[in-house]
Amino acid sequence: MGRQTRGIGCRAGLISRAGNLHDPALVDHIAVEADVLVVAIRASAQDGVRLADVIGSVAKTATAHGTRLGVGGGAGSLHVAEGGPRVVDLPTFPDARNSNISGADYAKAFVDEIEQPAHRRQRFSVAY
């Protein structure tokens, strides 16, 4: 589901829908049909609503329908060292979160995790 789905390539079994994550009826409808809900949007406000404001209800909807939920992003909450500050707390944030991983390689790792889950109910990182 996305505002614009033109850039999403064809893949067997992939169904993309144009819509808004902040529309609970649409999220519920899609969760009924889906094996996995993937959320990969900016955490900043979209249409005046932040991802943090809706992710709880999206997770509850996925759970209610037995649908897995994958969320891309969230590096800002990682600690830069054991017991150290979070990335988001660094004075160089958002520059500190820049990664050398390509978008294509990140997407491949994300899809691989969807197709062959190895990190159920866990956070995992992608790097070279």
Protein backbone atom coordinates (compact mmCIF):
# COMPACT_ATOMS: atom_id res chain seq x y z
CA MET A 1 0.00 0.00 0.00
CA GLY A 2 1.42 3.35 -0.90
CA ARG A 3 0.54 6.74 -2.24
CA GLN A 4 2.22 5.89 -5.52
CA THR A 5 2.76 2.28 -6.47
CA ARG A 6 4.10 2.79 -10.00
CA GLY A 7 7.72 2.13 -8.96
CA ILE A 8 6.94 -1.26 -7.45
CA GLY A 9 8.05 -3.99 -9.82
CA CYS A 10 6.14 -7.14 -10.64
CA ARG A 11 6.88 -10.12 -8.43
CA ALA A 12 4.89 -13.31 -8.16
CA GLY A 13 2.42 -13.03 -5.30
CA LEU A 14 3.03 -9.30 -4.73
CA ILE A 15 -0.03 -7.13 -4.57
CA SER A 16 0.44 -3.41 -4.13
CA ARG A 17 -2.37 -1.05 -3.23
CA ALA A 18 -2.57 2.72 -3.35
CA GLY A 19 -3.86 4.05 -0.05
CA ASN A 20 -2.98 5.64 3.25
CA LEU A 21 -1.56 3.90 6.30
CA HIS A 22 -3.59 6.30 8.42
CA ASP A 23 -6.87 4.82 7.11
CA PRO A 24 -7.71 2.04 9.62
CA ALA A 25 -10.49 0.55 7.47
CA LEU A 26 -8.12 0.14 4.52
CA VAL A 27 -5.36 -1.33 6.71
CA ASP A 28 -7.88 -3.80 8.14
CA HIS A 29 -9.11 -4.76 4.66
CA ILE A 30 -5.57 -5.35 3.41
CA ALA A 31 -4.54 -7.27 6.56
CA VAL A 32 -7.36 -9.75 5.93
CA GLU A 33 -5.91 -10.59 2.51
CA ALA A 34 -2.17 -10.28 3.18
CA ASP A 35 0.46 -12.65 4.51
CA VAL A 36 2.66 -9.68 5.48
CA LEU A 37 2.06 -5.96 5.97
CA VAL A 38 5.17 -3.94 5.17
CA VAL A 39 5.56 -0.44 6.58
CA ALA A 40 8.45 1.48 5.08
CA ILE A 41 7.62 5.16 5.37
CA ARG A 42 9.19 8.19 7.00
CA ALA A 43 8.56 8.44 10.70
CA SER A 44 7.89 12.17 10.37
CA ALA A 45 4.34 13.45 10.04
CA GLN A 46 2.35 12.54 6.92
CA ASP A 47 -0.87 14.47 6.56
CA GLY A 48 -0.38 15.70 10.12
CA VAL A 49 -0.08 12.19 11.61
CA ARG A 50 3.20 10.57 12.69
CA LEU A 51 4.01 6.90 12.15
CA ALA A 52 4.34 6.57 15.93
CA ASP A 53 0.69 7.63 16.22
CA VAL A 54 -0.59 4.73 14.10
CA ILE A 55 1.93 1.90 14.27
CA GLY A 56 0.28 0.48 17.41
CA SER A 57 -3.08 0.16 15.69
CA VAL A 58 -1.44 -1.31 12.58
CA ALA A 59 0.29 -3.91 14.76
CA LYS A 60 -2.99 -4.76 16.54
CA THR A 61 -4.74 -5.13 13.18
CA ALA A 62 -1.99 -7.43 11.89
CA THR A 63 -2.18 -9.52 15.06
CA ALA A 64 -5.97 -9.74 14.88
CA HIS A 65 -5.76 -11.24 11.39
CA GLY A 66 -2.65 -13.38 11.93
CA THR A 67 -0.74 -11.21 9.46
CA ARG A 68 2.98 -10.65 9.89
CA LEU A 69 4.21 -7.06 10.14
CA GLY A 70 7.54 -5.81 8.79
CA VAL A 71 8.70 -2.28 9.53
CA GLY A 72 11.64 -0.76 7.66
CA GLY A 73 13.67 1.97 9.31
CA GLY A 74 14.10 2.86 12.95
CA ALA A 75 17.88 3.19 13.00
CA GLY A 76 17.57 6.34 15.10
CA SER A 77 16.63 4.25 18.13
CA LEU A 78 19.82 2.16 17.98
CA HIS A 79 22.61 2.78 20.50
CA VAL A 80 25.96 3.82 19.01
CA ALA A 81 27.82 1.91 21.75
CA GLU A 82 26.88 -0.42 24.60
CA GLY A 83 24.91 1.76 27.02
CA GLY A 84 25.75 4.79 24.90
CA PRO A 85 23.57 7.41 23.29
CA ARG A 86 21.04 6.60 20.60
CA VAL A 87 21.72 7.67 17.02
CA VAL A 88 18.81 10.10 17.22
CA ASP A 89 20.46 11.82 20.23
CA LEU A 90 23.70 12.60 18.38
CA PRO A 91 24.25 16.24 17.36
CA THR A 92 24.94 15.01 13.81
CA PHE A 93 21.56 13.30 13.46
CA PRO A 94 20.16 12.79 10.79
CA ASP A 95 23.58 12.71 9.06
CA ALA A 96 24.73 10.00 11.50
CA ARG A 97 22.15 7.55 10.20
CA ASN A 98 23.44 7.57 6.64
CA SER A 99 24.27 4.07 5.50
CA ASN A 100 26.50 2.76 2.77
CA ILE A 101 24.04 0.00 1.91
CA SER A 102 22.34 0.49 -1.43
CA GLY A 103 18.58 0.76 -1.65
CA ALA A 104 18.47 -2.31 -3.85
CA ASP A 105 20.50 -4.42 -1.40
CA TYR A 106 18.40 -3.20 1.55
CA ALA A 107 15.20 -4.06 -0.32
CA LYS A 108 16.53 -7.51 -1.25
CA ALA A 109 17.39 -8.24 2.40
CA PHE A 110 13.95 -7.03 3.49
CA VAL A 111 12.15 -9.20 0.92
CA ASP A 112 14.38 -12.18 1.78
CA GLU A 113 13.28 -11.81 5.42
CA ILE A 114 9.63 -11.73 4.34
CA GLU A 115 9.99 -14.83 2.19
CA GLN A 116 12.25 -16.79 4.59
CA PRO A 117 11.76 -15.38 8.09
CA ALA A 118 14.83 -15.72 10.29
CA HIS A 119 14.12 -12.89 12.75
CA ARG A 120 10.58 -13.34 14.02
CA ARG A 121 9.65 -10.67 16.59
CA GLN A 122 13.20 -9.30 16.43
CA ARG A 123 14.95 -6.24 15.11
CA PHE A 124 17.63 -6.98 12.54
CA SER A 125 20.12 -4.85 10.66
CA VAL A 126 21.34 -4.94 7.09
CA ALA A 127 24.95 -4.09 6.27
CA TYR A 128 27.82 -5.06 4.01
